[in-house]
C-alpha atoms as a PDB file:
ATOM      1  CA  MET A   1     -25.345-153.328 -41.315  1.00  0.00           C
ATOM      2  CA  ILE A   2     -24.296-156.846 -41.286  1.00  0.00           C
ATOM      3  CA  GLN A   3     -27.061-159.546 -42.740  1.00  0.00           C
ATOM      4  CA  ALA A   4     -26.551-163.179 -43.827  1.00  0.00           C
ATOM      5  CA  CYS A   5     -27.797-163.792 -47.468  1.00  0.00           C
ATOM      6  CA  ILE A   6     -27.299-165.891 -50.592  1.00  0.00           C
ATOM      7  CA  TYR A   7     -25.305-164.743 -53.786  1.00  0.00           C
ATOM      8  CA  LYS A   8     -25.656-167.307 -56.933  1.00  0.00           C
ATOM      9  CA  ASP A   9     -26.181-170.578 -54.595  1.00  0.00           C
ATOM     10  CA  ARG A  10     -23.506-169.550 -52.320  1.00  0.00           C
ATOM     11  CA  PRO A  11     -23.776-168.148 -48.814  1.00  0.00           C
ATOM     12  CA  ALA A  12     -23.135-164.888 -48.293  1.00  0.00           C
ATOM     13  CA  ILE A  13     -22.663-161.682 -45.735  1.00  0.00           C
ATOM     14  CA  ALA A  14     -23.847-158.495 -46.717  1.00  0.00           C
ATOM     15  CA  VAL A  15     -22.135-155.338 -45.524  1.00  0.00           C
ATOM     16  CA  SER A  16     -24.547-152.469 -46.481  1.00  0.00           C
ATOM     17  CA  CYS A  17     -25.374-148.633 -45.483  1.00  0.00           C
ATOM     18  CA  GLU A  18     -27.267-146.113 -46.952  1.00  0.00           C
ATOM     19  CA  GLY A  19     -24.726-145.836 -49.960  1.00  0.00           C
ATOM     20  CA  PHE A  20     -23.651-149.284 -51.151  1.00  0.00           C
ATOM     21  CA  LYS A  21     -23.985-153.383 -50.608  1.00  0.00           C
ATOM     22  CA  ALA A  22     -21.411-155.274 -50.445  1.00  0.00           C
ATOM     23  CA  LEU A  23     -21.701-159.248 -50.464  1.00  0.00           C
ATOM     24  CA  PHE A  24     -18.859-161.799 -48.758  1.00  0.00           C
ATOM     25  CA  LEU A  25     -18.662-165.477 -49.323  1.00  0.00           C
ATOM     26  CA  PRO A  26     -17.212-166.765 -46.308  1.00  0.00           C
ATOM     27  CA  GLU A  27     -16.842-170.123 -47.615  1.00  0.00           C
ATOM     28  CA  ASP A  28     -15.333-169.003 -51.147  1.00  0.00           C
ATOM     29  CA  GLY A  29     -12.073-167.171 -49.943  1.00  0.00           C
ATOM     30  CA  ALA A  30     -14.154-164.249 -48.308  1.00  0.00           C
ATOM     31  CA  LYS A  31     -14.437-162.973 -51.788  1.00  0.00           C
ATOM     32  CA  LEU A  32     -15.890-159.855 -52.319  1.00  0.00           C
ATOM     33  CA  ALA A  33     -18.474-161.045 -54.845  1.00  0.00           C
ATOM     34  CA  SER A  34     -20.624-157.811 -55.157  1.00  0.00           C
ATOM     35  CA  PHE A  35     -20.615-153.942 -54.927  1.00  0.00           C
ATOM     36  CA  GLN A  36     -23.794-152.331 -55.527  1.00  0.00           C
ATOM     37  CA  THR A  37     -24.535-148.990 -55.577  1.00  0.00           C
ATOM     38  CA  LYS A  38     -28.033-147.778 -53.422  1.00  0.00           C
ATOM     39  CA  SER A  39     -29.996-147.830 -56.920  1.00  0.00           C
ATOM     40  CA  GLY A  40     -28.847-151.641 -57.369  1.00  0.00           C
ATOM     41  CA  ASP A  41     -26.093-151.210 -60.027  1.00  0.00           C
ATOM     42  CA  GLU A  42     -23.545-153.537 -60.204  1.00  0.00           C
ATOM     43  CA  LEU A  43     -19.690-152.041 -59.828  1.00  0.00           C
ATOM     44  CA  LEU A  44     -18.151-155.785 -60.241  1.00  0.00           C
ATOM     45  CA  ALA A  45     -17.675-157.996 -63.037  1.00  0.00           C
ATOM     46  CA  GLN A  46     -19.629-160.661 -62.673  1.00  0.00           C
ATOM     47  CA  ALA A  47     -19.503-164.417 -64.169  1.00  0.00           C
ATOM     48  CA  GLY A  48     -22.402-165.409 -66.307  1.00  0.00           C
ATOM     49  CA  SER A  49     -23.515-168.507 -64.815  1.00  0.00           C
ATOM     50  CA  ASP A  50     -26.331-168.611 -62.449  1.00  0.00           C
ATOM     51  CA  LYS A  51     -24.233-171.407 -60.443  1.00  0.00           C
ATOM     52  CA  TYR A  52     -21.215-170.212 -58.859  1.00  0.00           C
ATOM     53  CA  ARG A  53     -18.085-172.186 -60.055  1.00  0.00           C
ATOM     54  CA  ARG A  54     -16.243-172.764 -56.716  1.00  0.00           C
ATOM     55  CA  LEU A  55     -12.137-172.744 -56.885  1.00  0.00           C
ATOM     56  CA  GLY A  56     -10.862-176.203 -54.972  1.00  0.00           C
ATOM     57  CA  ALA A  57      -7.598-176.919 -53.762  1.00  0.00           C
ATOM     58  CA  ASP A  58      -6.150-178.036 -57.406  1.00  0.00           C
ATOM     59  CA  THR A  59      -8.656-176.023 -59.651  1.00  0.00           C
ATOM     60  CA  GLY A  60      -7.211-173.303 -62.068  1.00  0.00           C
ATOM     61  CA  TYR A  61      -7.967-170.119 -61.476  1.00  0.00           C
ATOM     62  CA  VAL A  62      -9.230-168.906 -64.441  1.00  0.00           C
ATOM     63  CA  GLN A  63     -11.837-172.240 -64.771  1.00  0.00           C
ATOM     64  CA  SER A  64     -13.379-171.290 -61.804  1.00  0.00           C
ATOM     65  CA  GLU A  65     -15.367-168.299 -60.949  1.00  0.00           C
ATOM     66  CA  CYS A  66     -12.896-165.719 -61.731  1.00  0.00           C
ATOM     67  CA  SER A  67     -15.022-162.376 -61.227  1.00  0.00           C
ATOM     68  CA  ALA A  68     -15.134-159.618 -58.746  1.00  0.00           C
ATOM     69  CA  PHE A  69     -12.736-159.035 -56.010  1.00  0.00           C
ATOM     70  CA  ASP A  70     -10.113-162.192 -54.935  1.00  0.00           C
ATOM     71  CA  ASP A  71      -7.520-161.777 -52.162  1.00  0.00           C
ATOM     72  CA  MET A  72      -4.110-162.875 -53.569  1.00  0.00           C
ATOM     73  CA  PHE A  73      -1.659-163.959 -51.205  1.00  0.00           C
ATOM     74  CA  PRO A  74       1.093-165.258 -50.642  1.00  0.00           C
ATOM     75  CA  THR A  75       1.386-165.409 -54.393  1.00  0.00           C
ATOM     76  CA  ILE A  76      -0.214-164.810 -57.879  1.00  0.00           C
ATOM     77  CA  ASP A  77       1.841-166.976 -59.701  1.00  0.00           C
ATOM     78  CA  PRO A  78       2.099-170.584 -58.350  1.00  0.00           C
ATOM     79  CA  CYS A  79       5.604-171.390 -57.186  1.00  0.00           C
ATOM     80  CA  VAL A  80       8.025-172.964 -54.476  1.00  0.00           C
ATOM     81  CA  ILE A  81       9.820-171.032 -52.002  1.00  0.00           C
ATOM     82  CA  ASN A  82      11.646-172.427 -48.629  1.00  0.00           C
ATOM     83  CA  GLY A  83      10.196-175.983 -49.716  1.00  0.00           C
ATOM     84  CA  MET A  84       6.756-174.682 -49.712  1.00  0.00           C
ATOM     85  CA  GLN A  85       4.305-174.732 -52.907  1.00  0.00           C
ATOM     86  CA  TYR A  86       2.356-172.064 -53.455  1.00  0.00           C
ATOM     87  CA  SER A  87      -0.871-172.459 -55.187  1.00  0.00           C
ATOM     88  CA  ASP A  88      -1.981-170.300 -58.412  1.00  0.00           C
ATOM     89  CA  HIS A  89      -3.550-167.000 -56.953  1.00  0.00           C
ATOM     90  CA  GLY A  90      -2.354-168.106 -53.607  1.00  0.00           C
ATOM     91  CA  GLU A  91      -4.221-170.728 -50.649  1.00  0.00           C
ATOM     92  CA  VAL A  92      -6.538-167.680 -49.634  1.00  0.00           C
ATOM     93  CA  CYS A  93      -8.879-167.388 -52.172  1.00  0.00           C
ATOM     94  CA  ARG A  94      -9.160-171.065 -52.179  1.00  0.00           C
ATOM     95  CA  ARG A  95     -10.129-171.470 -48.449  1.00  0.00           C
ATOM     96  CA  GLU A  96     -13.225-171.526 -46.231  1.00  0.00           C
ATOM     97  CA  HIS A  97     -12.792-168.472 -43.617  1.00  0.00           C
ATOM     98  CA  LYS A  98     -14.506-168.693 -39.828  1.00  0.00           C
ATOM     99  CA  THR A  99     -16.534-165.413 -39.471  1.00  0.00           C
ATOM    100  CA  GLU A 100     -17.149-162.893 -36.387  1.00  0.00           C
ATOM    101  CA  THR A 101     -19.358-160.156 -36.452  1.00  0.00           C
ATOM    102  CA  ASP A 102     -20.820-157.508 -33.870  1.00  0.00           C
ATOM    103  CA  GLY A 103     -23.533-156.240 -35.979  1.00  0.00           C
ATOM    104  CA  GLU A 104     -21.528-153.630 -37.393  1.00  0.00           C
ATOM    105  CA  ARG A 105     -18.736-155.321 -38.400  1.00  0.00           C
ATOM    106  CA  VAL A 106     -17.577-158.974 -39.785  1.00  0.00           C
ATOM    107  CA  THR A 107     -14.484-160.580 -39.434  1.00  0.00           C
ATOM    108  CA  PHE A 108     -13.406-163.375 -42.051  1.00  0.00           C
ATOM    109  CA  ILE A 109     -10.519-165.386 -40.500  1.00  0.00           C
ATOM    110  CA  CYS A 110      -8.288-168.149 -42.221  1.00  0.00           C
ATOM    111  CA  GLU A 111      -5.589-169.917 -40.518  1.00  0.00           C
ATOM    112  CA  LEU A 112      -3.239-171.277 -43.281  1.00  0.00           C
ATOM    113  CA  GLU A 113      -1.760-174.497 -41.499  1.00  0.00           C
ATOM    114  CA  LYS A 114       0.709-175.332 -43.790  1.00  0.00           C
ATOM    115  CA  LEU A 115       2.397-171.821 -44.043  1.00  0.00           C
ATOM    116  CA  ASN A 116       1.859-171.046 -40.385  1.00  0.00           C
ATOM    117  CA  ILE A 117      -0.152-167.963 -41.371  1.00  0.00           C
ATOM    118  CA  THR A 118      -3.429-166.153 -39.590  1.00  0.00           C
ATOM    119  CA  TYR A 119      -4.937-164.309 -42.453  1.00  0.00           C
ATOM    120  CA  LYS A 120      -7.862-161.888 -41.121  1.00  0.00           C
ATOM    121  CA  LYS A 121     -10.148-159.324 -42.616  1.00  0.00           C
ATOM    122  CA  THR A 122     -12.979-157.175 -41.095  1.00  0.00           C
ATOM    123  CA  ALA A 123     -15.325-155.574 -43.577  1.00  0.00           C
ATOM    124  CA  PHE A 124     -17.229-152.748 -42.574  1.00  0.00           C
ATOM    125  CA  ALA A 125     -19.586-149.626 -43.724  1.00  0.00           C
ATOM    126  CA  GLN A 126     -17.933-146.135 -42.538  1.00  0.00           C
ATOM    127  CA  ASP A 127     -18.342-142.671 -44.310  1.00  0.00           C
ATOM    128  CA  GLY A 128     -20.349-143.665 -46.756  1.00  0.00           C
ATOM    129  CA  ALA A 129     -17.531-146.405 -47.917  1.00  0.00           C
ATOM    130  CA  LEU A 130     -16.729-149.655 -47.520  1.00  0.00           C
ATOM    131  CA  GLN A 131     -13.567-150.572 -45.570  1.00  0.00           C
ATOM    132  CA  ILE A 132     -11.497-153.573 -45.173  1.00  0.00           C
ATOM    133  CA  LYS A 133      -8.950-153.832 -42.906  1.00  0.00           C
ATOM    134  CA  TYR A 134      -6.255-156.756 -43.223  1.00  0.00           C
ATOM    135  CA  SER A 135      -4.178-158.187 -40.470  1.00  0.00           C
ATOM    136  CA  ILE A 136      -1.663-161.222 -41.578  1.00  0.00           C
ATOM    137  CA  GLU A 137       0.351-163.159 -38.870  1.00  0.00           C
ATOM    138  CA  ASN A 138       3.602-164.755 -39.578  1.00  0.00           C
ATOM    139  CA  ARG A 139       4.154-167.260 -36.977  1.00  0.00           C
ATOM    140  CA  ASN A 140       6.912-168.731 -38.117  1.00  0.00           C
ATOM    141  CA  SER A 141      10.270-168.036 -36.668  1.00  0.00           C
ATOM    142  CA  PHE A 142      11.774-166.659 -39.988  1.00  0.00           C
ATOM    143  CA  GLU A 143      10.667-163.615 -42.050  1.00  0.00           C
ATOM    144  CA  PHE A 144       8.148-164.748 -44.827  1.00  0.00           C
ATOM    145  CA  PRO A 145       8.499-163.548 -48.134  1.00  0.00           C
ATOM    146  CA  TYR A 146       5.172-162.937 -49.835  1.00  0.00           C
ATOM    147  CA  VAL A 147       2.785-161.118 -52.283  1.00  0.00           C
ATOM    148  CA  TRP A 148      -0.496-159.716 -51.115  1.00  0.00           C
ATOM    149  CA  ALA A 149      -2.879-158.624 -54.389  1.00  0.00           C
ATOM    150  CA  GLY A 150      -6.292-157.154 -54.333  1.00  0.00           C
ATOM    151  CA  HIS A 151      -7.373-158.801 -57.968  1.00  0.00           C
ATOM    152  CA  ILE A 152      -9.942-156.365 -58.563  1.00  0.00           C
ATOM    153  CA  MET A 153     -12.203-156.836 -61.287  1.00  0.00           C
ATOM    154  CA  PHE A 154     -14.420-154.314 -62.258  1.00  0.00           C
ATOM    155  CA  ARG A 155     -17.396-153.987 -65.118  1.00  0.00           C
ATOM    156  CA  GLY A 156     -16.402-153.152 -68.595  1.00  0.00           C
ATOM    157  CA  GLU A 157     -17.829-150.124 -70.270  1.00  0.00           C
ATOM    158  CA  GLU A 158     -16.432-148.687 -73.156  1.00  0.00           C
ATOM    159  CA  GLY A 159     -13.847-145.747 -72.231  1.00  0.00           C
ATOM    160  CA  ALA A 160     -13.354-146.862 -68.849  1.00  0.00           C
ATOM    161  CA  TYR A 161     -10.266-145.913 -67.318  1.00  0.00           C
ATOM    162  CA  ILE A 162      -7.544-146.091 -64.642  1.00  0.00           C
ATOM    163  CA  VAL A 163      -6.527-143.486 -62.299  1.00  0.00           C
ATOM    164  CA  SER A 164      -4.249-143.423 -59.912  1.00  0.00           C
ATOM    165  CA  ASP A 165      -1.670-141.134 -58.159  1.00  0.00           C
ATOM    166  CA  LEU A 166       1.175-142.210 -60.806  1.00  0.00           C
ATOM    167  CA  GLU A 167       1.694-139.876 -63.723  1.00  0.00           C
ATOM    168  CA  GLU A 168       0.147-141.334 -66.904  1.00  0.00           C
ATOM    169  CA  ASN A 169       3.471-141.698 -68.278  1.00  0.00           C
ATOM    170  CA  ALA A 170       4.998-143.486 -65.362  1.00  0.00           C
ATOM    171  CA  GLU A 171       7.522-146.302 -66.490  1.00  0.00           C
ATOM    172  CA  LYS A 172       5.255-149.670 -67.162  1.00  0.00           C
ATOM    173  CA  ARG A 173       6.618-153.319 -67.122  1.00  0.00           C
ATOM    174  CA  PHE A 174       4.227-155.997 -69.312  1.00  0.00           C
ATOM    175  CA  MET A 175       3.527-159.151 -67.985  1.00  0.00           C
ATOM    176  CA  PHE A 176       1.412-160.057 -70.893  1.00  0.00           C
ATOM    177  CA  GLY A 177      -0.470-158.902 -73.940  1.00  0.00           C
ATOM    178  CA  LYS A 178      -0.301-155.249 -75.147  1.00  0.00           C
ATOM    179  CA  PRO A 179      -2.643-152.465 -76.108  1.00  0.00           C
ATOM    180  CA  LEU A 180      -3.414-151.188 -79.066  1.00  0.00           C
ATOM    181  CA  SER A 181      -1.879-148.168 -78.400  1.00  0.00           C
ATOM    182  CA  ALA A 182       0.991-147.737 -75.309  1.00  0.00           C
ATOM    183  CA  GLU A 183      -0.039-144.165 -74.441  1.00  0.00           C
ATOM    184  CA  ARG A 184      -4.025-145.430 -73.830  1.00  0.00           C
ATOM    185  CA  ALA A 185      -2.691-148.674 -72.329  1.00  0.00           C
ATOM    186  CA  HIS A 186      -5.090-147.324 -69.038  1.00  0.00           C
ATOM    187  CA  ILE A 187      -8.259-147.143 -71.100  1.00  0.00           C
ATOM    188  CA  LEU A 188     -10.482-150.101 -71.831  1.00  0.00           C
ATOM    189  CA  GLU A 189     -10.502-150.862 -75.501  1.00  0.00           C
ATOM    190  CA  LYS A 190     -13.731-151.621 -77.467  1.00  0.00           C
ATOM    191  CA  CYS A 191     -15.004-154.972 -76.623  1.00  0.00           C
ATOM    192  CA  GLY A 192     -13.658-157.952 -79.160  1.00  0.00           C
ATOM    193  CA  GLU A 193     -10.897-155.320 -80.846  1.00  0.00           C
ATOM    194  CA  ASN A 194      -7.674-156.989 -78.608  1.00  0.00           C
ATOM    195  CA  LYS A 195      -6.389-159.719 -76.535  1.00  0.00           C
ATOM    196  CA  GLU A 196      -6.395-159.115 -72.755  1.00  0.00           C
ATOM    197  CA  TYR A 197      -3.095-157.646 -71.461  1.00  0.00           C
ATOM    198  CA  LYS A 198      -1.125-156.908 -68.089  1.00  0.00           C
ATOM    199  CA  TYR A 199       1.292-154.198 -66.780  1.00  0.00           C
ATOM    200  CA  TYR A 200       2.621-153.141 -63.548  1.00  0.00           C
ATOM    201  CA  TYR A 201       3.693-149.248 -62.544  1.00  0.00           C
ATOM    202  CA  THR A 202       6.915-149.875 -61.758  1.00  0.00           C
ATOM    203  CA  LYS A 203       7.076-146.731 -59.561  1.00  0.00           C
ATOM    204  CA  GLU A 204       6.228-147.027 -55.716  1.00  0.00           C
ATOM    205  CA  SER A 205       3.194-144.797 -54.631  1.00  0.00           C
ATOM    206  CA  THR A 206       2.392-144.466 -50.868  1.00  0.00           C
ATOM    207  CA  PRO A 207      -0.173-144.209 -49.517  1.00  0.00           C
ATOM    208  CA  LEU A 208      -1.451-145.880 -52.631  1.00  0.00           C
ATOM    209  CA  LYS A 209      -4.550-144.104 -54.259  1.00  0.00           C
ATOM    210  CA  CYS A 210      -5.950-145.760 -57.383  1.00  0.00           C
ATOM    211  CA  GLY A 211      -9.727-145.824 -59.589  1.00  0.00           C
ATOM    212  CA  ILE A 212     -11.671-146.584 -62.189  1.00  0.00           C
ATOM    213  CA  VAL A 213     -13.914-143.796 -63.854  1.00  0.00           C
ATOM    214  CA  TYR A 214     -17.016-144.487 -66.118  1.00  0.00           C
ATOM    215  CA  PRO A 215     -17.352-141.471 -68.503  1.00  0.00           C
ATOM    216  CA  GLN A 216     -20.512-143.112 -70.400  1.00  0.00           C
ATOM    217  CA  SER A 217     -22.501-143.774 -66.811  1.00  0.00           C
ATOM    218  CA  LYS A 218     -20.801-140.969 -65.133  1.00  0.00           C
ATOM    219  CA  LYS A 219     -19.536-142.691 -62.013  1.00  0.00           C
ATOM    220  CA  GLN A 220     -15.753-143.030 -60.643  1.00  0.00           C
ATOM    221  CA  ILE A 221     -15.072-145.880 -58.483  1.00  0.00           C
ATOM    222  CA  SER A 222     -11.856-145.232 -55.595  1.00  0.00           C
ATOM    223  CA  VAL A 223      -9.591-147.878 -54.090  1.00  0.00           C
ATOM    224  CA  GLU A 224      -7.424-146.362 -51.180  1.00  0.00           C
ATOM    225  CA  PHE A 225      -4.970-147.677 -48.656  1.00  0.00           C
ATOM    226  CA  ASP A 226      -3.849-146.177 -45.220  1.00  0.00           C
ATOM    227  CA  ASN A 227      -0.146-146.876 -45.041  1.00  0.00           C
ATOM    228  CA  ASP A 228       2.994-147.914 -47.082  1.00  0.00           C
ATOM    229  CA  THR A 229       2.235-151.752 -47.131  1.00  0.00           C
ATOM    230  CA  VAL A 230       0.673-151.758 -50.246  1.00  0.00           C
ATOM    231  CA  LYS A 231       2.648-149.760 -52.736  1.00  0.00           C
ATOM    232  CA  TYR A 232       2.635-150.956 -56.186  1.00  0.00           C
ATOM    233  CA  LEU A 233      -0.075-150.881 -58.968  1.00  0.00           C
ATOM    234  CA  GLY A 234      -0.903-153.680 -61.526  1.00  0.00           C
ATOM    235  CA  VAL A 235      -3.793-153.301 -64.443  1.00  0.00           C
ATOM    236  CA  TRP A 236      -5.151-156.126 -66.051  1.00  0.00           C
ATOM    237  CA  MET A 237      -7.385-155.343 -69.325  1.00  0.00           C
ATOM    238  CA  ASN A 238      -9.747-157.867 -70.753  1.00  0.00           C
ATOM    239  CA  PRO A 239     -11.482-156.444 -73.766  1.00  0.00           C
ATOM    240  CA  GLY A 240     -13.918-159.351 -74.190  1.00  0.00           C
ATOM    241  CA  ASP A 241     -10.579-161.916 -74.233  1.00  0.00           C
ATOM    242  CA  LEU A 242     -10.923-164.135 -71.323  1.00  0.00           C
ATOM    243  CA  ASN A 243     -14.348-165.884 -70.601  1.00  0.00           C
ATOM    244  CA  GLY A 244     -16.176-163.897 -72.632  1.00  0.00           C
ATOM    245  CA  MET A 245     -15.961-161.005 -70.290  1.00  0.00           C
ATOM    246  CA  TYR A 246     -15.385-157.457 -70.851  1.00  0.00           C
ATOM    247  CA  ASN A 247     -13.814-155.738 -67.837  1.00  0.00           C
ATOM    248  CA  LEU A 248     -10.751-154.234 -66.316  1.00  0.00           C
ATOM    249  CA  ALA A 249      -9.056-154.853 -63.264  1.00  0.00           C
ATOM    250  CA  LEU A 250      -7.200-152.826 -60.490  1.00  0.00           C
ATOM    251  CA  GLU A 251      -4.652-155.098 -58.925  1.00  0.00           C
ATOM    252  CA  PRO A 252      -2.739-153.194 -55.739  1.00  0.00           C
ATOM    253  CA  CYS A 253      -0.059-155.173 -54.307  1.00  0.00           C
ATOM    254  CA  THR A 254       2.887-155.341 -51.808  1.00  0.00           C
ATOM    255  CA  ALA A 255       5.302-156.569 -54.253  1.00  0.00           C
ATOM    256  CA  LEU A 256       5.620-156.521 -57.989  1.00  0.00           C
ATOM    257  CA  TYR A 257       5.931-159.297 -60.960  1.00  0.00           C
ATOM    258  CA  ASP A 258       3.234-161.769 -59.497  1.00  0.00           C
ATOM    259  CA  SER A 259       5.055-163.757 -57.260  1.00  0.00           C
ATOM    260  CA  PRO A 260       7.710-163.315 -53.855  1.00  0.00           C
ATOM    261  CA  LEU A 261      10.439-164.800 -56.110  1.00  0.00           C
ATOM    262  CA  SER A 262      10.076-162.515 -59.237  1.00  0.00           C
ATOM    263  CA  ALA A 263       9.617-159.677 -56.916  1.00  0.00           C
ATOM    264  CA  GLN A 264      13.171-160.270 -55.132  1.00  0.00           C
ATOM    265  CA  LYS A 265      14.937-160.383 -58.501  1.00  0.00           C
ATOM    266  CA  ALA A 266      13.612-156.808 -59.083  1.00  0.00           C
ATOM    267  CA  ASN A 267      14.476-155.905 -56.062  1.00  0.00           C
ATOM    268  CA  ALA A 268      10.731-155.045 -55.022  1.00  0.00           C
ATOM    269  CA  SER A 269      10.076-157.466 -52.198  1.00  0.00           C
ATOM    270  CA  SER A 270       7.752-157.606 -49.315  1.00  0.00           C
ATOM    271  CA  TYR A 271       8.179-159.740 -46.076  1.00  0.00           C
ATOM    272  CA  ILE A 272       6.434-160.469 -42.621  1.00  0.00           C
ATOM    273  CA  GLY A 273       8.931-160.377 -40.163  1.00  0.00           C
ATOM    274  CA  ALA A 274       9.690-163.611 -37.581  1.00  0.00           C
ATOM    275  CA  GLY A 275       6.511-163.704 -35.140  1.00  0.00           C
ATOM    276  CA  ALA A 276       5.530-160.222 -36.827  1.00  0.00           C
ATOM    277  CA  THR A 277       1.952-159.113 -38.169  1.00  0.00           C
ATOM    278  CA  VAL A 278       1.163-156.767 -41.034  1.00  0.00           C
ATOM    279  CA  GLU A 279      -1.791-154.406 -41.200  1.00  0.00           C
ATOM    280  CA  PHE A 280      -3.493-152.157 -43.502  1.00  0.00           C
ATOM    281  CA  THR A 281      -6.744-151.094 -44.477  1.00  0.00           C
ATOM    282  CA  LEU A 282      -8.390-150.549 -47.857  1.00  0.00           C
ATOM    283  CA  LYS A 283     -11.212-148.056 -48.489  1.00  0.00           C
ATOM    284  CA  MET A 284     -13.514-148.416 -51.657  1.00  0.00           C
ATOM    285  CA  LYS A 285     -15.926-145.701 -52.563  1.00  0.00           C
ATOM    286  CA  TYR A 286     -17.996-144.747 -55.749  1.00  0.00           C
ATOM    287  CA  LYS A 287     -19.734-141.451 -56.581  1.00  0.00           C
ATOM    288  CA  GLU A 288     -21.667-140.229 -59.346  1.00  0.00           C
ATOM    289  CA  VAL A 289     -19.222-137.755 -61.566  1.00  0.00           C
END
């Protein structure tokens, strides 16, 4: 079911079924701002303010709402490629999206005019899961280098940990910070005991499957993709450091290391061919364990 509603002070669109309720913000990057269980438990990290801190064209990402699930495209770190400036955490999360709905599905459409890219995602409930089908069209006459990443911030709980199809001891590259224990880097530390840190698994995994386990509240969230477009996994742990929040985050992505330039250096790039379209579907589901 698709319904118009309000999240904080922003227009929202709810995608819901018997098992969950998901709220998207069409005027704010089509962000997935909330994902609640049927009992009303919020699974995504929430910023504390009652008023939504909008992300403008020149706003620093972490100074804005910096919560829940934003789409990062075509980069995470700001950079210049082919003479075009890519903004901090990308262009899509800063842009208003048009919406189309048939009552069961809602499609968010963003025209990135300077990049000559049409970015679409369609959200719907199916088989008890939230599904988001992405379509990114390159209308240029040249190959377009990009990073797509899901910046999925989940609420913190002591002992919550990351799971994936990758081995626990798979090679990792730390981008900043470091865990108290390298062997337990995938487990959220106690609030206030450490600074934030981020790492990537350097190995591909397709189709990518990952998730969060909450041992105390006995919940598990799975995030899965349907093809080999999204094949890398980043992890960000924030044990009460950044913005006073306590969260852990999955960052499934098409290329490594926060920008197309860094990915090229690591031979781990992603491209959209001239006049081509990239498509993939994300499925997010929770269960009691």
